[in-house]
Structures are given as structure tokens and as C-alpha cells.
PDB file of all heavy atoms in Angstrom:
ATOM      1  N   LEU A   1     -27.137   1.443   6.906  1.00  0.00           N
ATOM      2  CA  LEU A   1     -27.363   1.542   5.541  1.00  0.00           C
ATOM      3  C   LEU A   1     -27.567   2.826   4.894  1.00  0.00           C
ATOM      4  O   LEU A   1     -27.029   3.176   3.926  1.00  0.00           O
ATOM      5  CB  LEU A   1     -28.465   0.487   5.113  1.00  0.00           C
ATOM      6  CG  LEU A   1     -28.552  -0.088   3.738  1.00  0.00           C
ATOM      7  CD1 LEU A   1     -27.415  -0.901   3.511  1.00  0.00           C
ATOM      8  CD2 LEU A   1     -29.888  -0.971   3.556  1.00  0.00           C
ATOM      9  N   ALA A   2     -28.386   3.611   5.574  1.00  0.00           N
ATOM     10  CA  ALA A   2     -28.647   4.931   5.173  1.00  0.00           C
ATOM     11  C   ALA A   2     -27.411   5.851   5.270  1.00  0.00           C
ATOM     12  O   ALA A   2     -27.086   6.717   4.206  1.00  0.00           O
ATOM     13  CB  ALA A   2     -29.874   5.604   5.931  1.00  0.00           C
ATOM     14  N   ASP A   3     -26.636   5.665   6.318  1.00  0.00           N
ATOM     15  CA  ASP A   3     -25.456   6.410   6.436  1.00  0.00           C
ATOM     16  C   ASP A   3     -24.330   6.082   5.175  1.00  0.00           C
ATOM     17  O   ASP A   3     -23.696   6.932   4.716  1.00  0.00           O
ATOM     18  CB  ASP A   3     -24.791   6.127   7.800  1.00  0.00           C
ATOM     19  CG  ASP A   3     -25.459   6.721   8.957  1.00  0.00           C
ATOM     20  OD1 ASP A   3     -26.296   7.571   8.835  1.00  0.00           O
ATOM     21  OD2 ASP A   3     -25.510   6.229  10.104  1.00  0.00           O
ATOM     22  N   ARG A   4     -24.392   4.757   4.859  1.00  0.00           N
ATOM     23  CA  ARG A   4     -23.408   4.328   3.914  1.00  0.00           C
ATOM     24  C   ARG A   4     -23.867   4.884   2.580  1.00  0.00           C
ATOM     25  O   ARG A   4     -23.023   5.423   1.694  1.00  0.00           O
ATOM     26  CB  ARG A   4     -23.369   2.876   3.805  1.00  0.00           C
ATOM     27  CG  ARG A   4     -22.616   2.219   4.963  1.00  0.00           C
ATOM     28  CD  ARG A   4     -22.761   0.686   4.961  1.00  0.00           C
ATOM     29  NE  ARG A   4     -22.239   0.126   3.695  1.00  0.00           N
ATOM     30  CZ  ARG A   4     -22.698  -0.953   3.243  1.00  0.00           C
ATOM     31  NH1 ARG A   4     -23.606  -1.764   3.825  1.00  0.00           N
ATOM     32  NH2 ARG A   4     -22.137  -1.478   1.996  1.00  0.00           N
ATOM     33  N   TYR A   5     -25.067   4.995   2.389  1.00  0.00           N
ATOM     34  CA  TYR A   5     -25.655   5.689   1.128  1.00  0.00           C
ATOM     35  C   TYR A   5     -25.212   6.990   0.994  1.00  0.00           C
ATOM     36  O   TYR A   5     -24.668   7.586  -0.023  1.00  0.00           O
ATOM     37  CB  TYR A   5     -27.169   5.508   1.128  1.00  0.00           C
ATOM     38  CG  TYR A   5     -27.828   6.199  -0.151  1.00  0.00           C
ATOM     39  CD1 TYR A   5     -27.677   5.483  -1.453  1.00  0.00           C
ATOM     40  CD2 TYR A   5     -28.288   7.454  -0.073  1.00  0.00           C
ATOM     41  CE1 TYR A   5     -28.231   6.098  -2.549  1.00  0.00           C
ATOM     42  CE2 TYR A   5     -28.900   8.062  -1.113  1.00  0.00           C
ATOM     43  CZ  TYR A   5     -28.792   7.417  -2.410  1.00  0.00           C
ATOM     44  OH  TYR A   5     -29.486   8.033  -3.458  1.00  0.00           O
ATOM     45  N   ARG A   6     -25.478   7.885   2.175  1.00  0.00           N
ATOM     46  CA  ARG A   6     -25.137   9.274   2.163  1.00  0.00           C
ATOM     47  C   ARG A   6     -23.648   9.534   2.075  1.00  0.00           C
ATOM     48  O   ARG A   6     -23.143  10.408   1.450  1.00  0.00           O
ATOM     49  CB  ARG A   6     -25.573   9.933   3.594  1.00  0.00           C
ATOM     50  CG  ARG A   6     -27.106  10.239   3.601  1.00  0.00           C
ATOM     51  CD  ARG A   6     -27.429  11.086   4.791  1.00  0.00           C
ATOM     52  NE  ARG A   6     -27.217  10.345   5.942  1.00  0.00           N
ATOM     53  CZ  ARG A   6     -28.106   9.597   6.632  1.00  0.00           C
ATOM     54  NH1 ARG A   6     -29.338   9.415   6.127  1.00  0.00           N
ATOM     55  NH2 ARG A   6     -27.792   9.057   7.750  1.00  0.00           N
ATOM     56  N   ASN A   7     -22.826   8.578   2.563  1.00  0.00           N
ATOM     57  CA  ASN A   7     -21.391   8.676   2.399  1.00  0.00           C
ATOM     58  C   ASN A   7     -20.828   8.300   1.092  1.00  0.00           C
ATOM     59  O   ASN A   7     -19.615   8.337   0.798  1.00  0.00           O
ATOM     60  CB  ASN A   7     -20.661   7.767   3.483  1.00  0.00           C
ATOM     61  CG  ASN A   7     -20.926   8.353   4.893  1.00  0.00           C
ATOM     62  OD1 ASN A   7     -21.275   9.499   4.996  1.00  0.00           O
ATOM     63  ND2 ASN A   7     -20.872   7.436   5.886  1.00  0.00           N
ATOM     64  N   GLY A   8     -21.640   7.835   0.165  1.00  0.00           N
ATOM     65  CA  GLY A   8     -21.334   7.507  -1.276  1.00  0.00           C
ATOM     66  C   GLY A   8     -20.756   6.196  -1.407  1.00  0.00           C
ATOM     67  O   GLY A   8     -20.101   5.969  -2.413  1.00  0.00           O
ATOM     68  N   GLU A   9     -20.858   5.323  -0.358  1.00  0.00           N
ATOM     69  CA  GLU A   9     -20.299   3.859  -0.469  1.00  0.00           C
ATOM     70  C   GLU A   9     -20.878   3.069  -1.549  1.00  0.00           C
ATOM     71  O   GLU A   9     -20.383   2.120  -1.953  1.00  0.00           O
ATOM     72  CB  GLU A   9     -20.402   3.304   0.880  1.00  0.00           C
ATOM     73  CG  GLU A   9     -19.512   3.773   1.944  1.00  0.00           C
ATOM     74  CD  GLU A   9     -19.477   3.089   3.249  1.00  0.00           C
ATOM     75  OE1 GLU A   9     -19.508   1.873   3.170  1.00  0.00           O
ATOM     76  OE2 GLU A   9     -19.446   3.601   4.331  1.00  0.00           O
ATOM     77  N   PHE A  10     -22.133   3.422  -1.979  1.00  0.00           N
ATOM     78  CA  PHE A  10     -22.818   2.639  -3.109  1.00  0.00           C
ATOM     79  C   PHE A  10     -22.259   3.026  -4.431  1.00  0.00           C
ATOM     80  O   PHE A  10     -22.615   2.341  -5.435  1.00  0.00           O
ATOM     81  CB  PHE A  10     -24.297   2.675  -2.924  1.00  0.00           C
ATOM     82  CG  PHE A  10     -24.791   2.048  -1.572  1.00  0.00           C
ATOM     83  CD1 PHE A  10     -26.058   2.485  -0.940  1.00  0.00           C
ATOM     84  CD2 PHE A  10     -24.124   1.100  -0.794  1.00  0.00           C
ATOM     85  CE1 PHE A  10     -26.472   1.970   0.193  1.00  0.00           C
ATOM     86  CE2 PHE A  10     -24.535   0.571   0.353  1.00  0.00           C
ATOM     87  CZ  PHE A  10     -25.775   1.034   0.875  1.00  0.00           C
ATOM     88  N   SER A  11     -21.799   4.170  -4.459  1.00  0.00           N
ATOM     89  CA  SER A  11     -21.416   4.764  -5.803  1.00  0.00           C
ATOM     90  C   SER A  11     -20.043   4.800  -6.223  1.00  0.00           C
ATOM     91  O   SER A  11     -19.651   4.971  -7.243  1.00  0.00           O
ATOM     92  CB  SER A  11     -22.268   6.023  -6.088  1.00  0.00           C
ATOM     93  OG  SER A  11     -21.848   7.011  -5.091  1.00  0.00           O
ATOM     94  N   SER A  12     -19.236   4.789  -5.011  1.00  0.00           N
ATOM     95  CA  SER A  12     -17.809   4.933  -5.204  1.00  0.00           C
ATOM     96  C   SER A  12     -17.052   4.060  -4.159  1.00  0.00           C
ATOM     97  O   SER A  12     -17.153   4.089  -2.994  1.00  0.00           O
ATOM     98  CB  SER A  12     -17.314   6.384  -4.998  1.00  0.00           C
ATOM     99  OG  SER A  12     -16.012   6.422  -4.968  1.00  0.00           O
ATOM    100  N   LYS A  13     -16.225   3.205  -4.819  1.00  0.00           N
ATOM    101  CA  LYS A  13     -15.465   2.195  -4.008  1.00  0.00           C
ATOM    102  C   LYS A  13     -14.484   2.959  -3.104  1.00  0.00           C
ATOM    103  O   LYS A  13     -14.167   2.462  -1.835  1.00  0.00           O
ATOM    104  CB  LYS A  13     -14.757   1.257  -4.919  1.00  0.00           C
ATOM    105  CG  LYS A  13     -13.994   0.178  -4.154  1.00  0.00           C
ATOM    106  CD  LYS A  13     -13.274  -0.853  -5.126  1.00  0.00           C
ATOM    107  CE  LYS A  13     -12.575  -1.989  -4.386  1.00  0.00           C
ATOM    108  NZ  LYS A  13     -11.918  -2.978  -5.228  1.00  0.00           N
ATOM    109  N   ASP A  14     -13.966   4.166  -3.495  1.00  0.00           N
ATOM    110  CA  ASP A  14     -13.013   4.904  -2.640  1.00  0.00           C
ATOM    111  C   ASP A  14     -13.637   5.393  -1.360  1.00  0.00           C
ATOM    112  O   ASP A  14     -12.968   5.821  -0.400  1.00  0.00           O
ATOM    113  CB  ASP A  14     -12.461   5.928  -3.533  1.00  0.00           C
ATOM    114  CG  ASP A  14     -11.501   5.506  -4.651  1.00  0.00           C
ATOM    115  OD1 ASP A  14     -11.025   4.270  -4.582  1.00  0.00           O
ATOM    116  OD2 ASP A  14     -11.406   6.227  -5.747  1.00  0.00           O
ATOM    117  N   SER A  15     -15.058   5.465  -1.427  1.00  0.00           N
ATOM    118  CA  SER A  15     -15.705   5.913  -0.160  1.00  0.00           C
ATOM    119  C   SER A  15     -15.819   4.817   0.903  1.00  0.00           C
ATOM    120  O   SER A  15     -16.223   5.217   1.927  1.00  0.00           O
ATOM    121  CB  SER A  15     -17.001   6.552  -0.510  1.00  0.00           C
ATOM    122  OG  SER A  15     -16.958   7.609  -1.530  1.00  0.00           O
ATOM    123  N   ILE A  16     -15.522   3.692   0.625  1.00  0.00           N
ATOM    124  CA  ILE A  16     -15.690   2.596   1.598  1.00  0.00           C
ATOM    125  C   ILE A  16     -14.367   2.418   2.415  1.00  0.00           C
ATOM    126  O   ILE A  16     -13.265   2.442   1.921  1.00  0.00           O
ATOM    127  CB  ILE A  16     -15.880   1.186   0.915  1.00  0.00           C
ATOM    128  CG1 ILE A  16     -17.151   1.389   0.008  1.00  0.00           C
ATOM    129  CG2 ILE A  16     -16.096   0.149   1.915  1.00  0.00           C
ATOM    130  CD1 ILE A  16     -17.356   0.172  -0.887  1.00  0.00           C
ATOM    131  N   HIS A  17     -14.631   2.482   3.760  1.00  0.00           N
ATOM    132  CA  HIS A  17     -13.450   2.319   4.694  1.00  0.00           C
ATOM    133  C   HIS A  17     -13.583   1.081   5.429  1.00  0.00           C
ATOM    134  O   HIS A  17     -14.542   0.890   6.189  1.00  0.00           O
ATOM    135  CB  HIS A  17     -13.441   3.662   5.636  1.00  0.00           C
ATOM    136  CG  HIS A  17     -13.336   4.793   4.836  1.00  0.00           C
ATOM    137  ND1 HIS A  17     -12.213   5.204   4.227  1.00  0.00           N
ATOM    138  CD2 HIS A  17     -14.204   5.891   4.726  1.00  0.00           C
ATOM    139  CE1 HIS A  17     -12.401   6.415   3.751  1.00  0.00           C
ATOM    140  NE2 HIS A  17     -13.642   6.845   3.889  1.00  0.00           N
ATOM    141  N   LEU A  18     -12.662   0.097   5.345  1.00  0.00           N
ATOM    142  CA  LEU A  18     -12.578  -1.096   6.051  1.00  0.00           C
ATOM    143  C   LEU A  18     -12.291  -0.943   7.565  1.00  0.00           C
ATOM    144  O   LEU A  18     -11.301  -0.228   7.885  1.00  0.00           O
ATOM    145  CB  LEU A  18     -11.765  -2.163   5.407  1.00  0.00           C
ATOM    146  CG  LEU A  18     -12.190  -2.652   4.039  1.00  0.00           C
ATOM    147  CD1 LEU A  18     -10.965  -3.522   3.565  1.00  0.00           C
ATOM    148  CD2 LEU A  18     -13.419  -3.413   4.034  1.00  0.00           C
ATOM    149  N   ILE A  19     -13.065  -1.432   8.396  1.00  0.00           N
ATOM    150  CA  ILE A  19     -12.818  -1.383   9.791  1.00  0.00           C
ATOM    151  C   ILE A  19     -12.341  -2.723  10.358  1.00  0.00           C
ATOM    152  O   ILE A  19     -12.018  -2.943  11.557  1.00  0.00           O
ATOM    153  CB  ILE A  19     -13.876  -0.811  10.673  1.00  0.00           C
ATOM    154  CG1 ILE A  19     -15.143  -1.725  10.533  1.00  0.00           C
ATOM    155  CG2 ILE A  19     -14.178   0.565  10.273  1.00  0.00           C
ATOM    156  CD1 ILE A  19     -16.256  -1.328  11.334  1.00  0.00           C
ATOM    157  N   ASP A  20     -12.330  -3.800   9.513  1.00  0.00           N
ATOM    158  CA  ASP A  20     -11.998  -5.071  10.005  1.00  0.00           C
ATOM    159  C   ASP A  20     -10.535  -5.219  10.334  1.00  0.00           C
ATOM    160  O   ASP A  20      -9.699  -4.711   9.719  1.00  0.00           O
ATOM    161  CB  ASP A  20     -12.250  -5.992   8.858  1.00  0.00           C
ATOM    162  CG  ASP A  20     -13.784  -6.068   8.674  1.00  0.00           C
ATOM    163  OD1 ASP A  20     -14.600  -5.762   9.447  1.00  0.00           O
ATOM    164  OD2 ASP A  20     -14.205  -6.643   7.466  1.00  0.00           O
ATOM    165  N   THR A  21     -10.229  -5.932  11.380  1.00  0.00           N
ATOM    166  CA  THR A  21      -8.805  -6.163  11.892  1.00  0.00           C
ATOM    167  C   THR A  21      -8.464  -7.490  12.048  1.00  0.00           C
ATOM    168  O   THR A  21      -7.276  -7.838  12.042  1.00  0.00           O
ATOM    169  CB  THR A  21      -8.699  -5.338  13.185  1.00  0.00           C
ATOM    170  OG1 THR A  21      -9.598  -5.787  14.128  1.00  0.00           O
ATOM    171  CG2 THR A  21      -8.821  -3.834  13.051  1.00  0.00           C
ATOM    172  N   THR A  22      -9.442  -8.456  12.198  1.00  0.00           N
ATOM    173  CA  THR A  22      -9.115  -9.927  12.458  1.00  0.00           C
ATOM    174  C   THR A  22      -8.990 -10.528  11.211  1.00  0.00           C
ATOM    175  O   THR A  22      -9.869 -10.671  10.423  1.00  0.00           O
ATOM    176  CB  THR A  22     -10.320 -10.505  13.403  1.00  0.00           C
ATOM    177  OG1 THR A  22     -10.654  -9.689  14.490  1.00  0.00           O
ATOM    178  CG2 THR A  22      -9.965 -12.002  13.719  1.00  0.00           C
ATOM    179  N   LYS A  23      -7.785 -11.191  11.019  1.00  0.00           N
ATOM    180  CA  LYS A  23      -7.410 -11.820   9.837  1.00  0.00           C
ATOM    181  C   LYS A  23      -7.970 -13.287   9.810  1.00  0.00           C
ATOM    182  O   LYS A  23      -7.836 -14.047  10.754  1.00  0.00           O
ATOM    183  CB  LYS A  23      -5.945 -11.884   9.462  1.00  0.00           C
ATOM    184  CG  LYS A  23      -5.314 -10.522   9.255  1.00  0.00           C
ATOM    185  CD  LYS A  23      -3.956 -10.586   8.922  1.00  0.00           C
ATOM    186  CE  LYS A  23      -3.250  -9.306   8.565  1.00  0.00           C
ATOM    187  NZ  LYS A  23      -1.904  -9.361   8.235  1.00  0.00           N
ATOM    188  N   TYR A  24      -8.539 -13.678   8.677  1.00  0.00           N
ATOM    189  CA  TYR A  24      -8.853 -15.089   8.426  1.00  0.00           C
ATOM    190  C   TYR A  24      -8.452 -15.562   7.035  1.00  0.00           C
ATOM    191  O   TYR A  24      -8.251 -14.748   6.113  1.00  0.00           O
ATOM    192  CB  TYR A  24     -10.463 -15.342   8.421  1.00  0.00           C
ATOM    193  CG  TYR A  24     -11.065 -15.238   9.797  1.00  0.00           C
ATOM    194  CD1 TYR A  24     -11.505 -13.904  10.296  1.00  0.00           C
ATOM    195  CD2 TYR A  24     -11.123 -16.198  10.670  1.00  0.00           C
ATOM    196  CE1 TYR A  24     -12.056 -13.779  11.575  1.00  0.00           C
ATOM    197  CE2 TYR A  24     -11.764 -16.105  11.947  1.00  0.00           C
ATOM    198  CZ  TYR A  24     -12.176 -14.899  12.365  1.00  0.00           C
ATOM    199  OH  TYR A  24     -12.681 -14.760  13.620  1.00  0.00           O
TER     200      TYR A  24
END
């Protein structure tokens, strides 16, 4: 959670990187 905050994931959608690979 702290890492995501520092990376800007809470303030910019472009900072979020999806790592999911399994489709449902």
C-alpha cells in the first residue's frame, strides 16, 4: 500500500500497472 502511494497509483491512473494474467 505504501509503495503504491509513493508510485502515484492513488493520484494517477496511468501509474497503475496490471500484473494479472489469468482471464475470467
